[in-house]
Amino acid sequence: MDKQIVITIARQYGSGGRTIGEMLAEDIGIHYYDKELLKLASEDSGINERLFVNADEKIKMTKLFKTVKNVYNGQLIPPESDNFVSDNNLFNYQAKVIKQLAEEESCVIIGRCADYVLKDYDNV
């Protein structure tokens, strides 16, 4: 592959998006990220992975896009803050990891509002 690309797949539960993403990534030989993003955000932030999983499950039960527009501002809250493990900050750490992946490698990213987080990237 000559040019780095990032494919984001926004999906609903049961739509087959995960399977399509896995097949696409395998077919074109690039990495596939879904729930692994939660682990990467946990490692990057030092915040327990379970908190990311819980926040991820909460977001799925809301009107997702509206939530993202209200939550995502790209600013990370410092560890000494009472809001360090807030849903907003947890999402911002996920967004940071998504952006890093998009800048470093070709990949398929499933969900996690990656389409919104990467909306200004030319290679997406």
N, C-alpha and C. Protein backbone atom coordinates (compact mmCIF):
# COMPACT_ATOMS: atom_id res chain seq x y z
N MET A 1 0.85 -1.17 0.00
CA MET A 1 0.00 0.00 0.00
C MET A 1 0.90 1.24 0.00
N ASP A 2 0.69 2.14 -0.96
CA ASP A 2 1.54 3.30 -1.11
C ASP A 2 1.16 4.45 -0.19
N LYS A 3 -0.10 4.68 0.00
CA LYS A 3 -0.56 5.82 0.78
C LYS A 3 -1.26 5.35 2.04
N GLN A 4 -0.94 6.00 3.15
CA GLN A 4 -1.58 5.66 4.43
C GLN A 4 -3.05 6.05 4.39
N ILE A 5 -3.92 5.12 4.83
CA ILE A 5 -5.35 5.40 4.89
C ILE A 5 -5.91 4.97 6.24
N VAL A 6 -6.97 5.63 6.64
CA VAL A 6 -7.69 5.24 7.85
C VAL A 6 -9.15 5.10 7.46
N ILE A 7 -9.73 3.97 7.79
CA ILE A 7 -11.14 3.71 7.50
C ILE A 7 -11.87 3.65 8.83
N THR A 8 -12.90 4.48 8.97
CA THR A 8 -13.71 4.44 10.18
C THR A 8 -15.06 3.85 9.82
N ILE A 9 -15.56 3.01 10.71
CA ILE A 9 -16.87 2.40 10.49
C ILE A 9 -17.74 2.70 11.70
N ALA A 10 -18.71 3.58 11.50
CA ALA A 10 -19.70 3.86 12.54
C ALA A 10 -20.79 2.82 12.36
N ARG A 11 -21.20 2.21 13.44
CA ARG A 11 -22.14 1.10 13.29
C ARG A 11 -23.09 1.03 14.47
N GLN A 12 -24.11 0.22 14.29
CA GLN A 12 -25.04 -0.10 15.36
C GLN A 12 -24.85 -1.55 15.73
N TYR A 13 -25.19 -1.89 16.96
CA TYR A 13 -25.09 -3.26 17.41
C TYR A 13 -25.91 -4.17 16.48
N GLY A 14 -25.30 -5.25 16.03
CA GLY A 14 -25.99 -6.20 15.18
C GLY A 14 -25.94 -5.87 13.70
N SER A 15 -25.26 -4.79 13.32
CA SER A 15 -25.25 -4.38 11.91
C SER A 15 -24.22 -5.14 11.07
N GLY A 16 -23.29 -5.80 11.73
CA GLY A 16 -22.24 -6.50 10.99
C GLY A 16 -21.02 -5.64 10.73
N GLY A 17 -21.02 -4.42 11.25
CA GLY A 17 -19.89 -3.51 11.02
C GLY A 17 -18.57 -4.05 11.52
N ARG A 18 -18.59 -4.70 12.66
CA ARG A 18 -17.36 -5.27 13.22
C ARG A 18 -16.80 -6.34 12.28
N THR A 19 -17.65 -7.22 11.80
CA THR A 19 -17.22 -8.29 10.90
C THR A 19 -16.69 -7.71 9.59
N ILE A 20 -17.40 -6.74 9.05
CA ILE A 20 -16.95 -6.10 7.80
C ILE A 20 -15.60 -5.42 8.01
N GLY A 21 -15.45 -4.72 9.13
CA GLY A 21 -14.18 -4.06 9.44
C GLY A 21 -13.03 -5.03 9.56
N GLU A 22 -13.25 -6.15 10.25
CA GLU A 22 -12.21 -7.17 10.40
C GLU A 22 -11.82 -7.74 9.04
N MET A 23 -12.81 -8.05 8.22
CA MET A 23 -12.55 -8.61 6.89
C MET A 23 -11.81 -7.61 6.01
N LEU A 24 -12.23 -6.36 6.05
CA LEU A 24 -11.60 -5.31 5.25
C LEU A 24 -10.14 -5.13 5.66
N ALA A 25 -9.89 -5.03 6.96
CA ALA A 25 -8.52 -4.85 7.45
C ALA A 25 -7.63 -6.02 7.03
N GLU A 26 -8.16 -7.22 7.16
CA GLU A 26 -7.39 -8.41 6.78
C GLU A 26 -7.13 -8.42 5.28
N ASP A 27 -8.14 -8.08 4.50
CA ASP A 27 -8.03 -8.10 3.04
C ASP A 27 -6.98 -7.13 2.52
N ILE A 28 -6.92 -5.93 3.10
CA ILE A 28 -5.95 -4.94 2.60
C ILE A 28 -4.68 -4.89 3.44
N GLY A 29 -4.61 -5.73 4.48
CA GLY A 29 -3.38 -5.87 5.25
C GLY A 29 -3.05 -4.73 6.19
N ILE A 30 -4.07 -4.20 6.87
CA ILE A 30 -3.82 -3.13 7.84
C ILE A 30 -4.40 -3.53 9.19
N HIS A 31 -4.02 -2.80 10.23
CA HIS A 31 -4.51 -3.09 11.58
C HIS A 31 -5.99 -2.75 11.73
N TYR A 32 -6.61 -3.45 12.65
CA TYR A 32 -8.03 -3.29 12.98
C TYR A 32 -8.12 -2.93 14.46
N TYR A 33 -8.86 -1.87 14.78
CA TYR A 33 -9.03 -1.45 16.17
C TYR A 33 -10.50 -1.31 16.50
N ASP A 34 -10.88 -1.89 17.61
CA ASP A 34 -12.23 -1.74 18.15
C ASP A 34 -12.07 -1.54 19.65
N LYS A 35 -12.34 -2.55 20.42
CA LYS A 35 -12.22 -2.43 21.88
C LYS A 35 -10.77 -2.26 22.33
N GLU A 36 -9.81 -2.59 21.46
CA GLU A 36 -8.41 -2.39 21.78
C GLU A 36 -8.12 -0.93 22.08
N LEU A 37 -8.93 -0.03 21.51
CA LEU A 37 -8.74 1.40 21.76
C LEU A 37 -8.90 1.73 23.24
N LEU A 38 -9.78 1.02 23.93
CA LEU A 38 -9.98 1.26 25.35
C LEU A 38 -8.72 0.90 26.13
N LYS A 39 -8.10 -0.21 25.76
CA LYS A 39 -6.86 -0.63 26.42
C LYS A 39 -5.74 0.37 26.13
N LEU A 40 -5.63 0.82 24.89
CA LEU A 40 -4.60 1.79 24.53
C LEU A 40 -4.79 3.11 25.27
N ALA A 41 -6.04 3.55 25.40
CA ALA A 41 -6.32 4.79 26.13
C ALA A 41 -5.98 4.62 27.61
N SER A 42 -6.26 3.45 28.15
CA SER A 42 -5.93 3.15 29.54
C SER A 42 -4.42 3.20 29.75
N GLU A 43 -3.68 2.59 28.86
CA GLU A 43 -2.22 2.58 28.96
C GLU A 43 -1.66 3.99 28.82
N ASP A 44 -2.22 4.78 27.92
CA ASP A 44 -1.74 6.15 27.69
C ASP A 44 -2.00 7.04 28.89
N SER A 45 -3.15 6.87 29.52
CA SER A 45 -3.56 7.77 30.59
C SER A 45 -3.19 7.29 31.99
N GLY A 46 -3.00 5.98 32.13
CA GLY A 46 -2.78 5.42 33.46
C GLY A 46 -4.07 5.19 34.23
N ILE A 47 -5.20 5.37 33.56
CA ILE A 47 -6.52 5.17 34.17
C ILE A 47 -6.94 3.72 33.95
N ASN A 48 -7.54 3.12 34.95
CA ASN A 48 -7.98 1.73 34.88
C ASN A 48 -8.86 1.50 33.65
N GLU A 49 -8.55 0.44 32.91
CA GLU A 49 -9.28 0.12 31.68
C GLU A 49 -10.78 -0.06 31.93
N ARG A 50 -11.14 -0.58 33.09
CA ARG A 50 -12.56 -0.82 33.40
C ARG A 50 -13.36 0.49 33.37
N LEU A 51 -12.74 1.60 33.77
CA LEU A 51 -13.44 2.89 33.71
C LEU A 51 -13.74 3.29 32.27
N PHE A 52 -12.83 2.99 31.35
CA PHE A 52 -13.08 3.25 29.93
C PHE A 52 -14.21 2.37 29.41
N VAL A 53 -14.20 1.11 29.81
CA VAL A 53 -15.25 0.18 29.39
C VAL A 53 -16.61 0.66 29.89
N ASN A 54 -16.68 1.05 31.16
CA ASN A 54 -17.94 1.54 31.74
C ASN A 54 -18.44 2.78 31.02
N ALA A 55 -17.54 3.73 30.75
CA ALA A 55 -17.94 4.96 30.05
C ALA A 55 -18.40 4.64 28.63
N ASP A 56 -17.72 3.70 27.98
CA ASP A 56 -18.08 3.29 26.63
C ASP A 56 -19.48 2.70 26.60
N GLU A 57 -19.80 1.89 27.58
CA GLU A 57 -21.13 1.29 27.65
C GLU A 57 -22.20 2.33 27.94
N LYS A 58 -21.87 3.34 28.76
CA LYS A 58 -22.82 4.42 29.06
C LYS A 58 -23.15 5.22 27.80
N ILE A 59 -22.11 5.54 27.03
CA ILE A 59 -22.30 6.34 25.82
C ILE A 59 -23.19 5.61 24.83
N LYS A 60 -23.08 4.30 24.76
CA LYS A 60 -23.91 3.53 23.83
C LYS A 60 -25.39 3.66 24.15
N MET A 61 -25.71 4.05 25.37
CA MET A 61 -27.11 4.15 25.77
C MET A 61 -27.65 5.56 25.63
N THR A 62 -26.88 6.46 25.05
CA THR A 62 -27.33 7.83 24.85
C THR A 62 -27.42 8.11 23.35
N LYS A 63 -27.89 9.27 23.02
CA LYS A 63 -27.84 9.69 21.62
C LYS A 63 -26.40 10.07 21.34
N LEU A 64 -25.67 9.12 20.78
CA LEU A 64 -24.23 9.17 20.70
C LEU A 64 -23.66 10.44 20.08
N PHE A 65 -24.09 10.80 18.91
CA PHE A 65 -23.48 11.93 18.22
C PHE A 65 -23.67 13.21 19.00
N LYS A 66 -24.86 13.41 19.55
CA LYS A 66 -25.12 14.60 20.37
C LYS A 66 -24.18 14.62 21.57
N THR A 67 -23.99 13.48 22.19
CA THR A 67 -23.10 13.37 23.33
C THR A 67 -21.68 13.75 22.94
N VAL A 68 -21.21 13.23 21.83
CA VAL A 68 -19.84 13.50 21.40
C VAL A 68 -19.63 14.97 21.14
N LYS A 69 -20.55 15.61 20.47
CA LYS A 69 -20.40 17.03 20.19
C LYS A 69 -20.32 17.84 21.48
N ASN A 70 -21.02 17.40 22.51
CA ASN A 70 -20.99 18.11 23.79
C ASN A 70 -19.78 17.74 24.63
N VAL A 71 -19.22 16.57 24.41
CA VAL A 71 -18.13 16.07 25.25
C VAL A 71 -16.77 16.41 24.68
N TYR A 72 -16.56 16.23 23.39
CA TYR A 72 -15.22 16.29 22.82
C TYR A 72 -14.76 17.71 22.59
N ASN A 73 -13.70 18.08 23.30
CA ASN A 73 -13.07 19.37 23.04
C ASN A 73 -11.56 19.21 22.90
N GLY A 74 -11.07 17.99 23.03
CA GLY A 74 -9.66 17.73 22.82
C GLY A 74 -8.77 18.05 24.01
N GLN A 75 -9.31 18.67 25.04
CA GLN A 75 -8.52 19.04 26.20
C GLN A 75 -8.49 17.91 27.22
N LEU A 76 -7.30 17.52 27.62
CA LEU A 76 -7.15 16.47 28.63
C LEU A 76 -7.07 17.12 30.01
N ILE A 77 -7.72 16.51 30.96
CA ILE A 77 -7.75 17.03 32.32
C ILE A 77 -6.57 16.44 33.09
N PRO A 78 -5.82 17.26 33.84
CA PRO A 78 -4.65 16.75 34.56
C PRO A 78 -5.03 15.76 35.67
N PRO A 79 -4.11 14.83 35.99
CA PRO A 79 -4.40 13.79 36.99
C PRO A 79 -4.80 14.31 38.36
N GLU A 80 -4.34 15.49 38.74
CA GLU A 80 -4.67 16.00 40.06
C GLU A 80 -6.09 16.56 40.16
N SER A 81 -6.77 16.66 39.03
CA SER A 81 -8.14 17.19 39.01
C SER A 81 -9.15 16.15 39.50
N ASP A 82 -10.21 16.64 40.13
CA ASP A 82 -11.30 15.76 40.55
C ASP A 82 -12.02 15.15 39.34
N ASN A 83 -11.91 15.78 38.18
CA ASN A 83 -12.59 15.31 36.97
C ASN A 83 -11.71 14.43 36.08
N PHE A 84 -10.57 13.97 36.61
CA PHE A 84 -9.65 13.19 35.79
C PHE A 84 -10.30 11.95 35.20
N VAL A 85 -11.18 11.30 35.94
CA VAL A 85 -11.84 10.09 35.44
C VAL A 85 -13.29 10.36 35.02
N SER A 86 -13.59 11.60 34.68
CA SER A 86 -14.93 11.92 34.19
C SER A 86 -15.13 11.29 32.81
N ASP A 87 -16.38 11.09 32.43
CA ASP A 87 -16.67 10.54 31.10
C ASP A 87 -16.06 11.41 30.01
N ASN A 88 -16.11 12.72 30.20
CA ASN A 88 -15.54 13.64 29.20
C ASN A 88 -14.05 13.38 29.01
N ASN A 89 -13.33 13.28 30.12
CA ASN A 89 -11.89 13.08 30.02
C ASN A 89 -11.55 11.69 29.47
N LEU A 90 -12.32 10.69 29.87
CA LEU A 90 -12.09 9.35 29.33
C LEU A 90 -12.27 9.34 27.82
N PHE A 91 -13.31 10.03 27.34
CA PHE A 91 -13.51 10.10 25.89
C PHE A 91 -12.37 10.86 25.22
N ASN A 92 -11.91 11.94 25.85
CA ASN A 92 -10.83 12.72 25.25
C ASN A 92 -9.54 11.89 25.15
N TYR A 93 -9.29 11.01 26.10
CA TYR A 93 -8.13 10.11 25.99
C TYR A 93 -8.32 9.13 24.84
N GLN A 94 -9.52 8.62 24.66
CA GLN A 94 -9.78 7.73 23.52
C GLN A 94 -9.55 8.49 22.22
N ALA A 95 -10.03 9.73 22.16
CA ALA A 95 -9.86 10.54 20.95
C ALA A 95 -8.38 10.79 20.67
N LYS A 96 -7.61 11.01 21.72
CA LYS A 96 -6.17 11.22 21.56
C LYS A 96 -5.52 9.99 20.92
N VAL A 97 -5.88 8.81 21.40
CA VAL A 97 -5.33 7.56 20.86
C VAL A 97 -5.77 7.38 19.41
N ILE A 98 -7.03 7.66 19.11
CA ILE A 98 -7.54 7.55 17.74
C ILE A 98 -6.74 8.45 16.81
N LYS A 99 -6.48 9.68 17.23
CA LYS A 99 -5.70 10.62 16.41
C LYS A 99 -4.27 10.13 16.22
N GLN A 100 -3.67 9.61 17.28
CA GLN A 100 -2.30 9.09 17.17
C GLN A 100 -2.24 7.95 16.16
N LEU A 101 -3.19 7.04 16.23
CA LEU A 101 -3.21 5.93 15.28
C LEU A 101 -3.36 6.44 13.85
N ALA A 102 -4.25 7.40 13.64
CA ALA A 102 -4.49 7.95 12.30
C ALA A 102 -3.25 8.63 11.74
N GLU A 103 -2.44 9.19 12.61
CA GLU A 103 -1.22 9.87 12.17
C GLU A 103 -0.06 8.91 11.94
N GLU A 104 -0.11 7.73 12.58
CA GLU A 104 1.02 6.82 12.55
C GLU A 104 0.89 5.64 11.59
N GLU A 105 -0.34 5.22 11.28
CA GLU A 105 -0.47 3.99 10.50
C GLU A 105 -1.79 3.94 9.75
N SER A 106 -1.83 3.07 8.76
CA SER A 106 -3.09 2.75 8.10
C SER A 106 -3.84 1.77 8.99
N CYS A 107 -5.15 1.97 9.13
CA CYS A 107 -5.92 1.09 10.00
C CYS A 107 -7.42 1.24 9.75
N VAL A 108 -8.16 0.29 10.29
CA VAL A 108 -9.62 0.34 10.33
C VAL A 108 -10.00 0.55 11.79
N ILE A 109 -10.82 1.56 12.05
CA ILE A 109 -11.27 1.86 13.41
C ILE A 109 -12.78 1.71 13.45
N ILE A 110 -13.23 0.88 14.38
CA ILE A 110 -14.66 0.62 14.53
C ILE A 110 -15.23 1.47 15.66
N GLY A 111 -16.28 2.21 15.34
CA GLY A 111 -17.01 2.96 16.36
C GLY A 111 -16.17 3.99 17.08
N ARG A 112 -16.47 4.18 18.35
CA ARG A 112 -15.79 5.12 19.23
C ARG A 112 -15.81 6.54 18.69
N CYS A 113 -16.76 6.84 17.84
CA CYS A 113 -16.92 8.17 17.23
C CYS A 113 -15.69 8.61 16.44
N ALA A 114 -14.94 7.63 15.95
CA ALA A 114 -13.72 7.94 15.21
C ALA A 114 -14.02 8.78 13.97
N ASP A 115 -15.18 8.56 13.36
CA ASP A 115 -15.53 9.37 12.18
C ASP A 115 -15.63 10.84 12.55
N TYR A 116 -16.13 11.14 13.72
CA TYR A 116 -16.24 12.53 14.18
C TYR A 116 -14.89 13.07 14.63
N VAL A 117 -14.16 12.29 15.40
CA VAL A 117 -12.86 12.71 15.91
C VAL A 117 -11.90 13.01 14.76
N LEU A 118 -11.98 12.24 13.68
CA LEU A 118 -11.05 12.37 12.56
C LEU A 118 -11.65 13.12 11.37
N LYS A 119 -12.71 13.84 11.59
CA LYS A 119 -13.44 14.49 10.48
C LYS A 119 -12.58 15.46 9.67
N ASP A 120 -11.53 16.00 10.25
CA ASP A 120 -10.68 16.97 9.55
C ASP A 120 -9.42 16.35 8.95
N TYR A 121 -9.29 15.05 9.04
CA TYR A 121 -8.10 14.37 8.51
C TYR A 121 -8.34 14.01 7.04
N ASP A 122 -7.35 14.31 6.20
CA ASP A 122 -7.48 14.05 4.76
C ASP A 122 -7.42 12.57 4.40
N ASN A 123 -6.75 11.77 5.22
CA ASN A 123 -6.54 10.36 4.88
C ASN A 123 -7.62 9.44 5.43
N VAL A 124 -8.72 10.02 5.91
CA VAL A 124 -9.80 9.22 6.52
C VAL A 124 -10.95 9.11 5.55
